[in-house]
Amino acid sequence: MNARVTEPRCHEFYFAELDTLVQVRPGEEAVSIRATRATFSARRQENFIHELAAEGFIDDDYRWFSFASPFPARRVCWRVDPSWVALEPAVRAATGRFVRRLLAGAGLLWIGLMTLLFLHIIP
């Protein structure tokens, strides 16, 4: 019998009005939530967790979750961690090469156009 190892579900949300990306990763014992910025109040965090449970992204047990509860039935780990959106070094290098080539081409085009302009205007 072959057992397949499945990766945990991972959901990403973007809040444009807050300019914040949020990654939700449900687990067996806890839900891990990582945000790129600290823009959520404690009340808004609880509401977001309730919305996630209501929409089916996490277990229904979280619909009544509260950070104020001394003994919560389920755990939530909320962290501000922008490192998960960092670009890989290979992508950054390819982008740098593209931008250098683009600027060099634009510079050569500008020099060529200026040369044509001065050769035709000045007799």
PDB file of N, CA and C in Angstrom:
ATOM      1  N   MET A   1       0.838  -1.174   0.000  1.00  0.00           N
ATOM      2  CA  MET A   1       0.000   0.000   0.000  1.00  0.00           C
ATOM      3  C   MET A   1       0.884   1.239   0.000  1.00  0.00           C
ATOM      4  N   ASN A   2       0.635   2.135  -0.914  1.00  0.00           N
ATOM      5  CA  ASN A   2       1.393   3.373  -1.002  1.00  0.00           C
ATOM      6  C   ASN A   2       0.604   4.494  -0.330  1.00  0.00           C
ATOM      7  N   ALA A   3       1.253   5.153   0.584  1.00  0.00           N
ATOM      8  CA  ALA A   3       0.623   6.285   1.261  1.00  0.00           C
ATOM      9  C   ALA A   3       1.131   7.569   0.623  1.00  0.00           C
ATOM     10  N   ARG A   4       0.202   8.400   0.274  1.00  0.00           N
ATOM     11  CA  ARG A   4       0.594   9.685  -0.304  1.00  0.00           C
ATOM     12  C   ARG A   4       0.687  10.727   0.802  1.00  0.00           C
ATOM     13  N   VAL A   5       1.747  11.491   0.745  1.00  0.00           N
ATOM     14  CA  VAL A   5       1.903  12.585   1.684  1.00  0.00           C
ATOM     15  C   VAL A   5       1.323  13.829   1.018  1.00  0.00           C
ATOM     16  N   THR A   6       0.300  14.354   1.624  1.00  0.00           N
ATOM     17  CA  THR A   6      -0.320  15.547   1.051  1.00  0.00           C
ATOM     18  C   THR A   6       0.143  16.776   1.818  1.00  0.00           C
ATOM     19  N   GLU A   7       0.373  17.827   1.093  1.00  0.00           N
ATOM     20  CA  GLU A   7       0.765  19.080   1.727  1.00  0.00           C
ATOM     21  C   GLU A   7      -0.478  19.712   2.350  1.00  0.00           C
ATOM     22  N   PRO A   8      -0.306  20.376   3.464  1.00  0.00           N
ATOM     23  CA  PRO A   8      -1.465  21.026   4.063  1.00  0.00           C
ATOM     24  C   PRO A   8      -1.989  22.128   3.151  1.00  0.00           C
ATOM     25  N   ARG A   9      -3.286  22.312   3.226  1.00  0.00           N
ATOM     26  CA  ARG A   9      -3.886  23.372   2.423  1.00  0.00           C
ATOM     27  C   ARG A   9      -3.325  24.714   2.876  1.00  0.00           C
ATOM     28  N   CYS A  10      -3.180  25.588   1.918  1.00  0.00           N
ATOM     29  CA  CYS A  10      -2.663  26.915   2.218  1.00  0.00           C
ATOM     30  C   CYS A  10      -3.479  27.915   1.414  1.00  0.00           C
ATOM     31  N   HIS A  11      -4.000  28.932   2.079  1.00  0.00           N
ATOM     32  CA  HIS A  11      -4.814  29.942   1.416  1.00  0.00           C
ATOM     33  C   HIS A  11      -4.163  31.300   1.628  1.00  0.00           C
ATOM     34  N   GLU A  12      -4.171  32.110   0.576  1.00  0.00           N
ATOM     35  CA  GLU A  12      -3.601  33.443   0.667  1.00  0.00           C
ATOM     36  C   GLU A  12      -4.687  34.471   0.353  1.00  0.00           C
ATOM     37  N   PHE A  13      -4.692  35.545   1.134  1.00  0.00           N
ATOM     38  CA  PHE A  13      -5.665  36.613   0.983  1.00  0.00           C
ATOM     39  C   PHE A  13      -4.927  37.938   0.909  1.00  0.00           C
ATOM     40  N   TYR A  14      -5.480  38.862   0.119  1.00  0.00           N
ATOM     41  CA  TYR A  14      -4.904  40.198   0.021  1.00  0.00           C
ATOM     42  C   TYR A  14      -5.951  41.220   0.414  1.00  0.00           C
ATOM     43  N   PHE A  15      -5.603  42.079   1.348  1.00  0.00           N
ATOM     44  CA  PHE A  15      -6.476  43.155   1.795  1.00  0.00           C
ATOM     45  C   PHE A  15      -5.924  44.460   1.237  1.00  0.00           C
ATOM     46  N   ALA A  16      -6.534  44.936   0.161  1.00  0.00           N
ATOM     47  CA  ALA A  16      -6.016  46.109  -0.542  1.00  0.00           C
ATOM     48  C   ALA A  16      -6.079  47.366   0.316  1.00  0.00           C
ATOM     49  N   GLU A  17      -7.150  47.527   1.088  1.00  0.00           N
ATOM     50  CA  GLU A  17      -7.270  48.739   1.894  1.00  0.00           C
ATOM     51  C   GLU A  17      -6.215  48.802   2.995  1.00  0.00           C
ATOM     52  N   LEU A  18      -5.689  47.656   3.391  1.00  0.00           N
ATOM     53  CA  LEU A  18      -4.639  47.600   4.403  1.00  0.00           C
ATOM     54  C   LEU A  18      -3.258  47.330   3.803  1.00  0.00           C
ATOM     55  N   ASP A  19      -3.212  47.019   2.509  1.00  0.00           N
ATOM     56  CA  ASP A  19      -1.977  46.641   1.817  1.00  0.00           C
ATOM     57  C   ASP A  19      -1.274  45.506   2.569  1.00  0.00           C
ATOM     58  N   THR A  20      -2.036  44.456   2.849  1.00  0.00           N
ATOM     59  CA  THR A  20      -1.536  43.345   3.646  1.00  0.00           C
ATOM     60  C   THR A  20      -1.881  42.018   2.977  1.00  0.00           C
ATOM     61  N   LEU A  21      -0.886  41.155   2.889  1.00  0.00           N
ATOM     62  CA  LEU A  21      -1.094  39.774   2.447  1.00  0.00           C
ATOM     63  C   LEU A  21      -1.198  38.893   3.678  1.00  0.00           C
ATOM     64  N   VAL A  22      -2.121  37.939   3.643  1.00  0.00           N
ATOM     65  CA  VAL A  22      -2.318  37.022   4.768  1.00  0.00           C
ATOM     66  C   VAL A  22      -2.304  35.599   4.233  1.00  0.00           C
ATOM     67  N   GLN A  23      -1.519  34.747   4.869  1.00  0.00           N
ATOM     68  CA  GLN A  23      -1.449  33.332   4.504  1.00  0.00           C
ATOM     69  C   GLN A  23      -2.035  32.513   5.648  1.00  0.00           C
ATOM     70  N   VAL A  24      -2.993  31.646   5.317  1.00  0.00           N
ATOM     71  CA  VAL A  24      -3.648  30.795   6.315  1.00  0.00           C
ATOM     72  C   VAL A  24      -3.293  29.351   6.015  1.00  0.00           C
ATOM     73  N   ARG A  25      -2.725  28.670   7.017  1.00  0.00           N
ATOM     74  CA  ARG A  25      -2.337  27.271   6.871  1.00  0.00           C
ATOM     75  C   ARG A  25      -2.958  26.470   8.017  1.00  0.00           C
ATOM     76  N   PRO A  26      -4.091  25.780   7.734  1.00  0.00           N
ATOM     77  CA  PRO A  26      -4.707  24.974   8.792  1.00  0.00           C
ATOM     78  C   PRO A  26      -3.871  23.728   9.084  1.00  0.00           C
ATOM     79  N   GLY A  27      -3.833  23.354  10.347  1.00  0.00           N
ATOM     80  CA  GLY A  27      -3.099  22.160  10.757  1.00  0.00           C
ATOM     81  C   GLY A  27      -3.962  21.283  11.634  1.00  0.00           C
ATOM     82  N   GLU A  28      -3.380  20.198  12.097  1.00  0.00           N
ATOM     83  CA  GLU A  28      -4.109  19.252  12.955  1.00  0.00           C
ATOM     84  C   GLU A  28      -4.476  19.880  14.296  1.00  0.00           C
ATOM     85  N   GLU A  29      -3.515  20.558  14.921  1.00  0.00           N
ATOM     86  CA  GLU A  29      -3.738  21.091  16.259  1.00  0.00           C
ATOM     87  C   GLU A  29      -3.976  22.589  16.290  1.00  0.00           C
ATOM     88  N   ALA A  30      -3.506  23.293  15.263  1.00  0.00           N
ATOM     89  CA  ALA A  30      -3.623  24.756  15.272  1.00  0.00           C
ATOM     90  C   ALA A  30      -3.699  25.284  13.849  1.00  0.00           C
ATOM     91  N   VAL A  31      -4.125  26.521  13.745  1.00  0.00           N
ATOM     92  CA  VAL A  31      -4.133  27.226  12.468  1.00  0.00           C
ATOM     93  C   VAL A  31      -3.027  28.274  12.530  1.00  0.00           C
ATOM     94  N   SER A  32      -2.174  28.260  11.520  1.00  0.00           N
ATOM     95  CA  SER A  32      -1.088  29.232  11.445  1.00  0.00           C
ATOM     96  C   SER A  32      -1.478  30.323  10.453  1.00  0.00           C
ATOM     97  N   ILE A  33      -1.455  31.562  10.934  1.00  0.00           N
ATOM     98  CA  ILE A  33      -1.798  32.707  10.096  1.00  0.00           C
ATOM     99  C   ILE A  33      -0.603  33.654  10.095  1.00  0.00           C
ATOM    100  N   ARG A  34      -0.114  33.959   8.895  1.00  0.00           N
ATOM    101  CA  ARG A  34       1.016  34.879   8.763  1.00  0.00           C
ATOM    102  C   ARG A  34       0.576  36.082   7.933  1.00  0.00           C
ATOM    103  N   ALA A  35       0.829  37.253   8.463  1.00  0.00           N
ATOM    104  CA  ALA A  35       0.492  38.503   7.779  1.00  0.00           C
ATOM    105  C   ALA A  35       1.781  39.253   7.468  1.00  0.00           C
ATOM    106  N   THR A  36       1.770  40.010   6.380  1.00  0.00           N
ATOM    107  CA  THR A  36       2.970  40.758   6.014  1.00  0.00           C
ATOM    108  C   THR A  36       3.130  42.036   6.826  1.00  0.00           C
ATOM    109  N   ARG A  37       2.046  42.552   7.388  1.00  0.00           N
ATOM    110  CA  ARG A  37       2.104  43.771   8.191  1.00  0.00           C
ATOM    111  C   ARG A  37       1.185  43.638   9.396  1.00  0.00           C
ATOM    112  N   ALA A  38       1.470  44.398  10.437  1.00  0.00           N
ATOM    113  CA  ALA A  38       0.652  44.377  11.656  1.00  0.00           C
ATOM    114  C   ALA A  38      -0.468  45.394  11.519  1.00  0.00           C
ATOM    115  N   THR A  39      -1.450  45.102  10.687  1.00  0.00           N
ATOM    116  CA  THR A  39      -2.539  46.036  10.428  1.00  0.00           C
ATOM    117  C   THR A  39      -3.874  45.555  10.976  1.00  0.00           C
ATOM    118  N   PHE A  40      -3.913  44.399  11.618  1.00  0.00           N
ATOM    119  CA  PHE A  40      -5.153  43.847  12.150  1.00  0.00           C
ATOM    120  C   PHE A  40      -5.202  44.060  13.657  1.00  0.00           C
ATOM    121  N   SER A  41      -6.303  44.593  14.139  1.00  0.00           N
ATOM    122  CA  SER A  41      -6.515  44.678  15.585  1.00  0.00           C
ATOM    123  C   SER A  41      -6.911  43.288  16.091  1.00  0.00           C
ATOM    124  N   ALA A  42      -6.910  43.127  17.402  1.00  0.00           N
ATOM    125  CA  ALA A  42      -7.281  41.829  17.976  1.00  0.00           C
ATOM    126  C   ALA A  42      -8.722  41.460  17.598  1.00  0.00           C
ATOM    127  N   ARG A  43      -9.599  42.439  17.617  1.00  0.00           N
ATOM    128  CA  ARG A  43     -10.997  42.177  17.257  1.00  0.00           C
ATOM    129  C   ARG A  43     -11.115  41.783  15.787  1.00  0.00           C
ATOM    130  N   ARG A  44     -10.369  42.475  14.925  1.00  0.00           N
ATOM    131  CA  ARG A  44     -10.409  42.160  13.490  1.00  0.00           C
ATOM    132  C   ARG A  44      -9.809  40.779  13.226  1.00  0.00           C
ATOM    133  N   GLN A  45      -8.796  40.390  13.988  1.00  0.00           N
ATOM    134  CA  GLN A  45      -8.222  39.046  13.853  1.00  0.00           C
ATOM    135  C   GLN A  45      -9.264  37.981  14.182  1.00  0.00           C
ATOM    136  N   GLU A  46      -9.991  38.191  15.284  1.00  0.00           N
ATOM    137  CA  GLU A  46     -11.037  37.235  15.661  1.00  0.00           C
ATOM    138  C   GLU A  46     -12.120  37.163  14.588  1.00  0.00           C
ATOM    139  N   ASN A  47     -12.530  38.316  14.074  1.00  0.00           N
ATOM    140  CA  ASN A  47     -13.554  38.327  13.024  1.00  0.00           C
ATOM    141  C   ASN A  47     -13.068  37.608  11.773  1.00  0.00           C
ATOM    142  N   PHE A  48     -11.819  37.799  11.431  1.00  0.00           N
ATOM    143  CA  PHE A  48     -11.253  37.126  10.254  1.00  0.00           C
ATOM    144  C   PHE A  48     -11.260  35.609  10.452  1.00  0.00           C
ATOM    145  N   ILE A  49     -10.913  35.151  11.639  1.00  0.00           N
ATOM    146  CA  ILE A  49     -10.932  33.713  11.942  1.00  0.00           C
ATOM    147  C   ILE A  49     -12.356  33.178  11.856  1.00  0.00           C
ATOM    148  N   HIS A  50     -13.321  33.926  12.366  1.00  0.00           N
ATOM    149  CA  HIS A  50     -14.727  33.507  12.280  1.00  0.00           C
ATOM    150  C   HIS A  50     -15.183  33.440  10.825  1.00  0.00           C
ATOM    151  N   GLU A  51     -14.763  34.415  10.007  1.00  0.00           N
ATOM    152  CA  GLU A  51     -15.111  34.401   8.585  1.00  0.00           C
ATOM    153  C   GLU A  51     -14.495  33.201   7.871  1.00  0.00           C
ATOM    154  N   LEU A  52     -13.248  32.887   8.209  1.00  0.00           N
ATOM    155  CA  LEU A  52     -12.590  31.720   7.602  1.00  0.00           C
ATOM    156  C   LEU A  52     -13.354  30.441   7.917  1.00  0.00           C
ATOM    157  N   ALA A  53     -13.792  30.309   9.168  1.00  0.00           N
ATOM    158  CA  ALA A  53     -14.545  29.112   9.560  1.00  0.00           C
ATOM    159  C   ALA A  53     -15.901  29.082   8.865  1.00  0.00           C
ATOM    160  N   ALA A  54     -16.546  30.228   8.756  1.00  0.00           N
ATOM    161  CA  ALA A  54     -17.865  30.277   8.121  1.00  0.00           C
ATOM    162  C   ALA A  54     -17.783  29.941   6.634  1.00  0.00           C
ATOM    163  N   GLU A  55     -16.687  30.301   5.990  1.00  0.00           N
ATOM    164  CA  GLU A  55     -16.519  30.033   4.557  1.00  0.00           C
ATOM    165  C   GLU A  55     -15.926  28.654   4.275  1.00  0.00           C
ATOM    166  N   GLY A  56     -15.517  27.931   5.298  1.00  0.00           N
ATOM    167  CA  GLY A  56     -15.029  26.572   5.106  1.00  0.00           C
ATOM    168  C   GLY A  56     -13.530  26.457   4.867  1.00  0.00           C
ATOM    169  N   PHE A  57     -12.779  27.520   5.079  1.00  0.00           N
ATOM    170  CA  PHE A  57     -11.335  27.451   4.911  1.00  0.00           C
ATOM    171  C   PHE A  57     -10.664  26.728   6.068  1.00  0.00           C
ATOM    172  N   ILE A  58     -11.250  26.834   7.254  1.00  0.00           N
ATOM    173  CA  ILE A  58     -10.750  26.135   8.437  1.00  0.00           C
ATOM    174  C   ILE A  58     -11.930  25.425   9.100  1.00  0.00           C
ATOM    175  N   ASP A  59     -11.659  24.611  10.113  1.00  0.00           N
ATOM    176  CA  ASP A  59     -12.709  23.826  10.781  1.00  0.00           C
ATOM    177  C   ASP A  59     -13.783  24.732  11.384  1.00  0.00           C
ATOM    178  N   ASP A  60     -14.996  24.185  11.472  1.00  0.00           N
ATOM    179  CA  ASP A  60     -16.123  24.930  12.030  1.00  0.00           C
ATOM    180  C   ASP A  60     -15.947  25.238  13.512  1.00  0.00           C
ATOM    181  N   ASP A  61     -15.075  24.512  14.199  1.00  0.00           N
ATOM    182  CA  ASP A  61     -14.846  24.768  15.620  1.00  0.00           C
ATOM    183  C   ASP A  61     -14.353  26.188  15.876  1.00  0.00           C
ATOM    184  N   TYR A  62     -13.750  26.797  14.890  1.00  0.00           N
ATOM    185  CA  TYR A  62     -13.189  28.142  15.049  1.00  0.00           C
ATOM    186  C   TYR A  62     -14.247  29.246  14.936  1.00  0.00           C
ATOM    187  N   ARG A  63     -15.486  28.904  14.664  1.00  0.00           N
ATOM    188  CA  ARG A  63     -16.530  29.940  14.546  1.00  0.00           C
ATOM    189  C   ARG A  63     -16.766  30.652  15.865  1.00  0.00           C
ATOM    190  N   TRP A  64     -16.397  30.030  16.973  1.00  0.00           N
ATOM    191  CA  TRP A  64     -16.582  30.622  18.289  1.00  0.00           C
ATOM    192  C   TRP A  64     -15.250  30.881  18.976  1.00  0.00           C
ATOM    193  N   PHE A  65     -14.202  30.986  18.189  1.00  0.00           N
ATOM    194  CA  PHE A  65     -12.863  31.211  18.740  1.00  0.00           C
ATOM    195  C   PHE A  65     -12.762  32.611  19.337  1.00  0.00           C
ATOM    196  N   SER A  66     -12.020  32.714  20.440  1.00  0.00           N
ATOM    197  CA  SER A  66     -11.759  34.012  21.056  1.00  0.00           C
ATOM    198  C   SER A  66     -10.354  34.000  21.650  1.00  0.00           C
ATOM    199  N   PHE A  67      -9.600  35.068  21.427  1.00  0.00           N
ATOM    200  CA  PHE A  67      -8.273  35.180  22.027  1.00  0.00           C
ATOM    201  C   PHE A  67      -8.368  35.374  23.534  1.00  0.00           C
ATOM    202  N   ALA A  68      -9.506  35.882  24.013  1.00  0.00           N
ATOM    203  CA  ALA A  68      -9.682  36.147  25.440  1.00  0.00           C
ATOM    204  C   ALA A  68      -9.985  34.878  26.240  1.00  0.00           C
ATOM    205  N   SER A  69     -10.333  33.798  25.575  1.00  0.00           N
ATOM    206  CA  SER A  69     -10.662  32.562  26.274  1.00  0.00           C
ATOM    207  C   SER A  69      -9.420  31.992  26.950  1.00  0.00           C
ATOM    208  N   PRO A  70      -9.511  31.681  28.265  1.00  0.00           N
ATOM    209  CA  PRO A  70      -8.322  31.161  28.954  1.00  0.00           C
ATOM    210  C   PRO A  70      -7.938  29.748  28.495  1.00  0.00           C
ATOM    211  N   PHE A  71      -8.914  28.962  28.080  1.00  0.00           N
ATOM    212  CA  PHE A  71      -8.649  27.600  27.620  1.00  0.00           C
ATOM    213  C   PHE A  71      -9.332  27.368  26.276  1.00  0.00           C
ATOM    214  N   PRO A  72      -8.752  27.901  25.197  1.00  0.00           N
ATOM    215  CA  PRO A  72      -9.409  27.727  23.890  1.00  0.00           C
ATOM    216  C   PRO A  72      -9.373  26.267  23.455  1.00  0.00           C
ATOM    217  N   ALA A  73     -10.448  25.845  22.807  1.00  0.00           N
ATOM    218  CA  ALA A  73     -10.520  24.464  22.317  1.00  0.00           C
ATOM    219  C   ALA A  73      -9.531  24.249  21.178  1.00  0.00           C
ATOM    220  N   ARG A  74      -9.317  25.277  20.383  1.00  0.00           N
ATOM    221  CA  ARG A  74      -8.400  25.197  19.250  1.00  0.00           C
ATOM    222  C   ARG A  74      -7.424  26.356  19.340  1.00  0.00           C
ATOM    223  N   ARG A  75      -6.232  26.170  18.798  1.00  0.00           N
ATOM    224  CA  ARG A  75      -5.201  27.207  18.851  1.00  0.00           C
ATOM    225  C   ARG A  75      -5.076  27.921  17.518  1.00  0.00           C
ATOM    226  N   VAL A  76      -4.715  29.191  17.609  1.00  0.00           N
ATOM    227  CA  VAL A  76      -4.410  30.006  16.435  1.00  0.00           C
ATOM    228  C   VAL A  76      -3.071  30.684  16.690  1.00  0.00           C
ATOM    229  N   CYS A  77      -2.167  30.540  15.743  1.00  0.00           N
ATOM    230  CA  CYS A  77      -0.861  31.177  15.839  1.00  0.00           C
ATOM    231  C   CYS A  77      -0.823  32.294  14.798  1.00  0.00           C
ATOM    232  N   TRP A  78      -0.951  33.534  15.252  1.00  0.00           N
ATOM    233  CA  TRP A  78      -0.979  34.702  14.358  1.00  0.00           C
ATOM    234  C   TRP A  78       0.381  35.384  14.443  1.00  0.00           C
ATOM    235  N   ARG A  79       1.079  35.460  13.312  1.00  0.00           N
ATOM    236  CA  ARG A  79       2.405  36.075  13.279  1.00  0.00           C
ATOM    237  C   ARG A  79       2.478  37.131  12.189  1.00  0.00           C
ATOM    238  N   VAL A  80       3.272  38.154  12.437  1.00  0.00           N
ATOM    239  CA  VAL A  80       3.604  39.130  11.404  1.00  0.00           C
ATOM    240  C   VAL A  80       4.963  38.700  10.865  1.00  0.00           C
ATOM    241  N   ASP A  81       4.952  38.198   9.626  1.00  0.00           N
ATOM    242  CA  ASP A  81       6.152  37.607   9.039  1.00  0.00           C
ATOM    243  C   ASP A  81       6.152  37.851   7.532  1.00  0.00           C
ATOM    244  N   PRO A  82       6.824  38.904   7.064  1.00  0.00           N
ATOM    245  CA  PRO A  82       6.820  39.176   5.622  1.00  0.00           C
ATOM    246  C   PRO A  82       7.805  38.326   4.825  1.00  0.00           C
ATOM    247  N   SER A  83       8.527  37.426   5.470  1.00  0.00           N
ATOM    248  CA  SER A  83       9.557  36.654   4.757  1.00  0.00           C
ATOM    249  C   SER A  83       8.975  35.658   3.758  1.00  0.00           C
ATOM    250  N   TRP A  84       7.737  35.234   3.928  1.00  0.00           N
ATOM    251  CA  TRP A  84       7.164  34.220   3.033  1.00  0.00           C
ATOM    252  C   TRP A  84       6.836  34.773   1.661  1.00  0.00           C
ATOM    253  N   VAL A  85       6.880  36.088   1.458  1.00  0.00           N
ATOM    254  CA  VAL A  85       6.613  36.658   0.143  1.00  0.00           C
ATOM    255  C   VAL A  85       7.903  37.075  -0.566  1.00  0.00           C
ATOM    256  N   ALA A  86       9.047  36.748   0.002  1.00  0.00           N
ATOM    257  CA  ALA A  86      10.326  37.125  -0.602  1.00  0.00           C
ATOM    258  C   ALA A  86      10.552  36.365  -1.907  1.00  0.00           C
ATOM    259  N   LEU A  87      11.165  37.043  -2.859  1.00  0.00           N
ATOM    260  CA  LEU A  87      11.456  36.434  -4.149  1.00  0.00           C
ATOM    261  C   LEU A  87      12.701  35.553  -4.060  1.00  0.00           C
ATOM    262  N   GLU A  88      12.726  34.537  -4.871  1.00  0.00           N
ATOM    263  CA  GLU A  88      13.890  33.663  -4.918  1.00  0.00           C
ATOM    264  C   GLU A  88      15.049  34.393  -5.589  1.00  0.00           C
ATOM    265  N   PRO A  89      16.292  34.056  -5.246  1.00  0.00           N
ATOM    266  CA  PRO A  89      17.447  34.727  -5.851  1.00  0.00           C
ATOM    267  C   PRO A  89      17.504  34.586  -7.373  1.00  0.00           C
ATOM    268  N   ALA A  90      17.079  33.455  -7.915  1.00  0.00           N
ATOM    269  CA  ALA A  90      17.104  33.262  -9.371  1.00  0.00           C
ATOM    270  C   ALA A  90      16.135  34.231 -10.059  1.00  0.00           C
ATOM    271  N   VAL A  91      14.986  34.458  -9.465  1.00  0.00           N
ATOM    272  CA  VAL A  91      14.012  35.383 -10.037  1.00  0.00           C
ATOM    273  C   VAL A  91      14.542  36.806  -9.967  1.00  0.00           C
ATOM    274  N   ARG A  92      15.149  37.165  -8.846  1.00  0.00           N
ATOM    275  CA  ARG A  92      15.713  38.506  -8.704  1.00  0.00           C
ATOM    276  C   ARG A  92      16.838  38.734  -9.701  1.00  0.00           C
ATOM    277  N   ALA A  93      17.694  37.729  -9.936  1.00  0.00           N
ATOM    278  CA  ALA A  93      18.797  37.868 -10.894  1.00  0.00           C
ATOM    279  C   ALA A  93      18.263  38.035 -12.311  1.00  0.00           C
ATOM    280  N   ALA A  94      17.259  37.251 -12.680  1.00  0.00           N
ATOM    281  CA  ALA A  94      16.684  37.356 -14.022  1.00  0.00           C
ATOM    282  C   ALA A  94      16.032  38.718 -14.229  1.00  0.00           C
ATOM    283  N   THR A  95      15.367  39.219 -13.211  1.00  0.00           N
ATOM    284  CA  THR A  95      14.750  40.536 -13.303  1.00  0.00           C
ATOM    285  C   THR A  95      15.803  41.629 -13.448  1.00  0.00           C
ATOM    286  N   GLY A  96      16.895  41.515 -12.707  1.00  0.00           N
ATOM    287  CA  GLY A  96      17.984  42.491 -12.803  1.00  0.00           C
ATOM    288  C   GLY A  96      18.598  42.516 -14.199  1.00  0.00           C
ATOM    289  N   ARG A  97      18.815  41.328 -14.779  1.00  0.00           N
ATOM    290  CA  ARG A  97      19.353  41.265 -16.144  1.00  0.00           C
ATOM    291  C   ARG A  97      18.400  41.907 -17.143  1.00  0.00           C
ATOM    292  N   PHE A  98      17.117  41.635 -17.002  1.00  0.00           N
ATOM    293  CA  PHE A  98      16.127  42.207 -17.905  1.00  0.00           C
ATOM    294  C   PHE A  98      16.112  43.732 -17.816  1.00  0.00           C
ATOM    295  N   VAL A  99      16.138  44.269 -16.613  1.00  0.00           N
ATOM    296  CA  VAL A  99      16.088  45.719 -16.432  1.00  0.00           C
ATOM    297  C   VAL A  99      17.354  46.367 -16.989  1.00  0.00           C
ATOM    298  N   ARG A 100      18.519  45.770 -16.781  1.00  0.00           N
ATOM    299  CA  ARG A 100      19.766  46.325 -17.336  1.00  0.00           C
ATOM    300  C   ARG A 100      19.718  46.347 -18.855  1.00  0.00           C
ATOM    301  N   ARG A 101      19.235  45.275 -19.468  1.00  0.00           N
ATOM    302  CA  ARG A 101      19.126  45.237 -20.929  1.00  0.00           C
ATOM    303  C   ARG A 101      18.111  46.266 -21.435  1.00  0.00           C
ATOM    304  N   LEU A 102      17.022  46.401 -20.727  1.00  0.00           N
ATOM    305  CA  LEU A 102      16.003  47.369 -21.109  1.00  0.00           C
ATOM    306  C   LEU A 102      16.551  48.791 -21.050  1.00  0.00           C
ATOM    307  N   LEU A 103      17.259  49.130 -19.986  1.00  0.00           N
ATOM    308  CA  LEU A 103      17.830  50.469 -19.856  1.00  0.00           C
ATOM    309  C   LEU A 103      18.926  50.716 -20.890  1.00  0.00           C
ATOM    310  N   ALA A 104      19.745  49.707 -21.160  1.00  0.00           N
ATOM    311  CA  ALA A 104      20.792  49.860 -22.180  1.00  0.00           C
ATOM    312  C   ALA A 104      20.160  50.079 -23.549  1.00  0.00           C
ATOM    313  N   GLY A 105      19.121  49.330 -23.876  1.00  0.00           N
ATOM    314  CA  GLY A 105      18.437  49.505 -25.161  1.00  0.00           C
ATOM    315  C   GLY A 105      17.787  50.870 -25.277  1.00  0.00           C
ATOM    316  N   ALA A 106      17.160  51.321 -24.193  1.00  0.00           N
ATOM    317  CA  ALA A 106      16.532  52.643 -24.203  1.00  0.00           C
ATOM    318  C   ALA A 106      17.584  53.739 -24.351  1.00  0.00           C
ATOM    319  N   GLY A 107      18.722  53.562 -23.711  1.00  0.00           N
ATOM    320  CA  GLY A 107      19.810  54.543 -23.839  1.00  0.00           C
ATOM    321  C   GLY A 107      20.353  54.604 -25.256  1.00  0.00           C
ATOM    322  N   LEU A 108      20.553  53.447 -25.876  1.00  0.00           N
ATOM    323  CA  LEU A 108      21.030  53.425 -27.266  1.00  0.00           C
ATOM    324  C   LEU A 108      20.001  54.032 -28.211  1.00  0.00           C
ATOM    325  N   LEU A 109      18.753  53.758 -28.002  1.00  0.00           N
ATOM    326  CA  LEU A 109      17.702  54.353 -28.824  1.00  0.00           C
ATOM    327  C   LEU A 109      17.689  55.870 -28.685  1.00  0.00           C
ATOM    328  N   TRP A 110      17.834  56.353 -27.453  1.00  0.00           N
ATOM    329  CA  TRP A 110      17.855  57.798 -27.204  1.00  0.00           C
ATOM    330  C   TRP A 110      19.054  58.448 -27.904  1.00  0.00           C
ATOM    331  N   ILE A 111      20.225  57.844 -27.798  1.00  0.00           N
ATOM    332  CA  ILE A 111      21.418  58.380 -28.466  1.00  0.00           C
ATOM    333  C   ILE A 111      21.215  58.408 -29.978  1.00  0.00           C
ATOM    334  N   GLY A 112      20.635  57.344 -30.522  1.00  0.00           N
ATOM    335  CA  GLY A 112      20.375  57.295 -31.960  1.00  0.00           C
ATOM    336  C   GLY A 112      19.399  58.376 -32.402  1.00  0.00           C
ATOM    337  N   LEU A 113      18.338  58.574 -31.657  1.00  0.00           N
ATOM    338  CA  LEU A 113      17.366  59.606 -31.997  1.00  0.00           C
ATOM    339  C   LEU A 113      17.957  61.008 -31.874  1.00  0.00           C
ATOM    340  N   MET A 114      18.763  61.249 -30.841  1.00  0.00           N
ATOM    341  CA  MET A 114      19.405  62.553 -30.688  1.00  0.00           C
ATOM    342  C   MET A 114      20.392  62.808 -31.832  1.00  0.00           C
ATOM    343  N   THR A 115      21.104  61.764 -32.246  1.00  0.00           N
ATOM    344  CA  THR A 115      22.041  61.900 -33.370  1.00  0.00           C
ATOM    345  C   THR A 115      21.281  62.264 -34.638  1.00  0.00           C
ATOM    346  N   LEU A 116      20.189  61.567 -34.913  1.00  0.00           N
ATOM    347  CA  LEU A 116      19.389  61.883 -36.104  1.00  0.00           C
ATOM    348  C   LEU A 116      18.814  63.296 -36.028  1.00  0.00           C
ATOM    349  N   LEU A 117      18.373  63.697 -34.868  1.00  0.00           N
ATOM    350  CA  LEU A 117      17.807  65.024 -34.698  1.00  0.00           C
ATOM    351  C   LEU A 117      18.840  66.106 -35.008  1.00  0.00           C
ATOM    352  N   PHE A 118      20.039  65.981 -34.477  1.00  0.00           N
ATOM    353  CA  PHE A 118      21.060  67.003 -34.693  1.00  0.00           C
ATOM    354  C   PHE A 118      21.629  66.957 -36.100  1.00  0.00           C
ATOM    355  N   LEU A 119      21.689  65.802 -36.734  1.00  0.00           N
ATOM    356  CA  LEU A 119      22.211  65.736 -38.098  1.00  0.00           C
ATOM    357  C   LEU A 119      21.245  66.355 -39.101  1.00  0.00           C
ATOM    358  N   HIS A 120      19.976  66.279 -38.862  1.00  0.00           N
ATOM    359  CA  HIS A 120      18.989  66.824 -39.795  1.00  0.00           C
ATOM    360  C   HIS A 120      18.669  68.288 -39.530  1.00  0.00           C
ATOM    361  N   ILE A 121      18.824  68.769 -38.322  1.00  0.00           N
ATOM    362  CA  ILE A 121      18.491  70.153 -38.018  1.00  0.00           C
ATOM    363  C   ILE A 121      19.675  71.073 -38.308  1.00  0.00           C
ATOM    364  N   ILE A 122      20.854  70.685 -37.901  1.00  0.00           N
ATOM    365  CA  ILE A 122      22.036  71.521 -38.077  1.00  0.00           C
ATOM    366  C   ILE A 122      22.620  71.270 -39.463  1.00  0.00           C
ATOM    367  N   PRO A 123      22.706  72.322 -40.314  1.00  0.00           N
ATOM    368  CA  PRO A 123      23.217  72.121 -41.690  1.00  0.00           C
ATOM    369  C   PRO A 123      24.705  71.966 -41.748  1.00  0.00           C
TER     370      PRO A 123
END
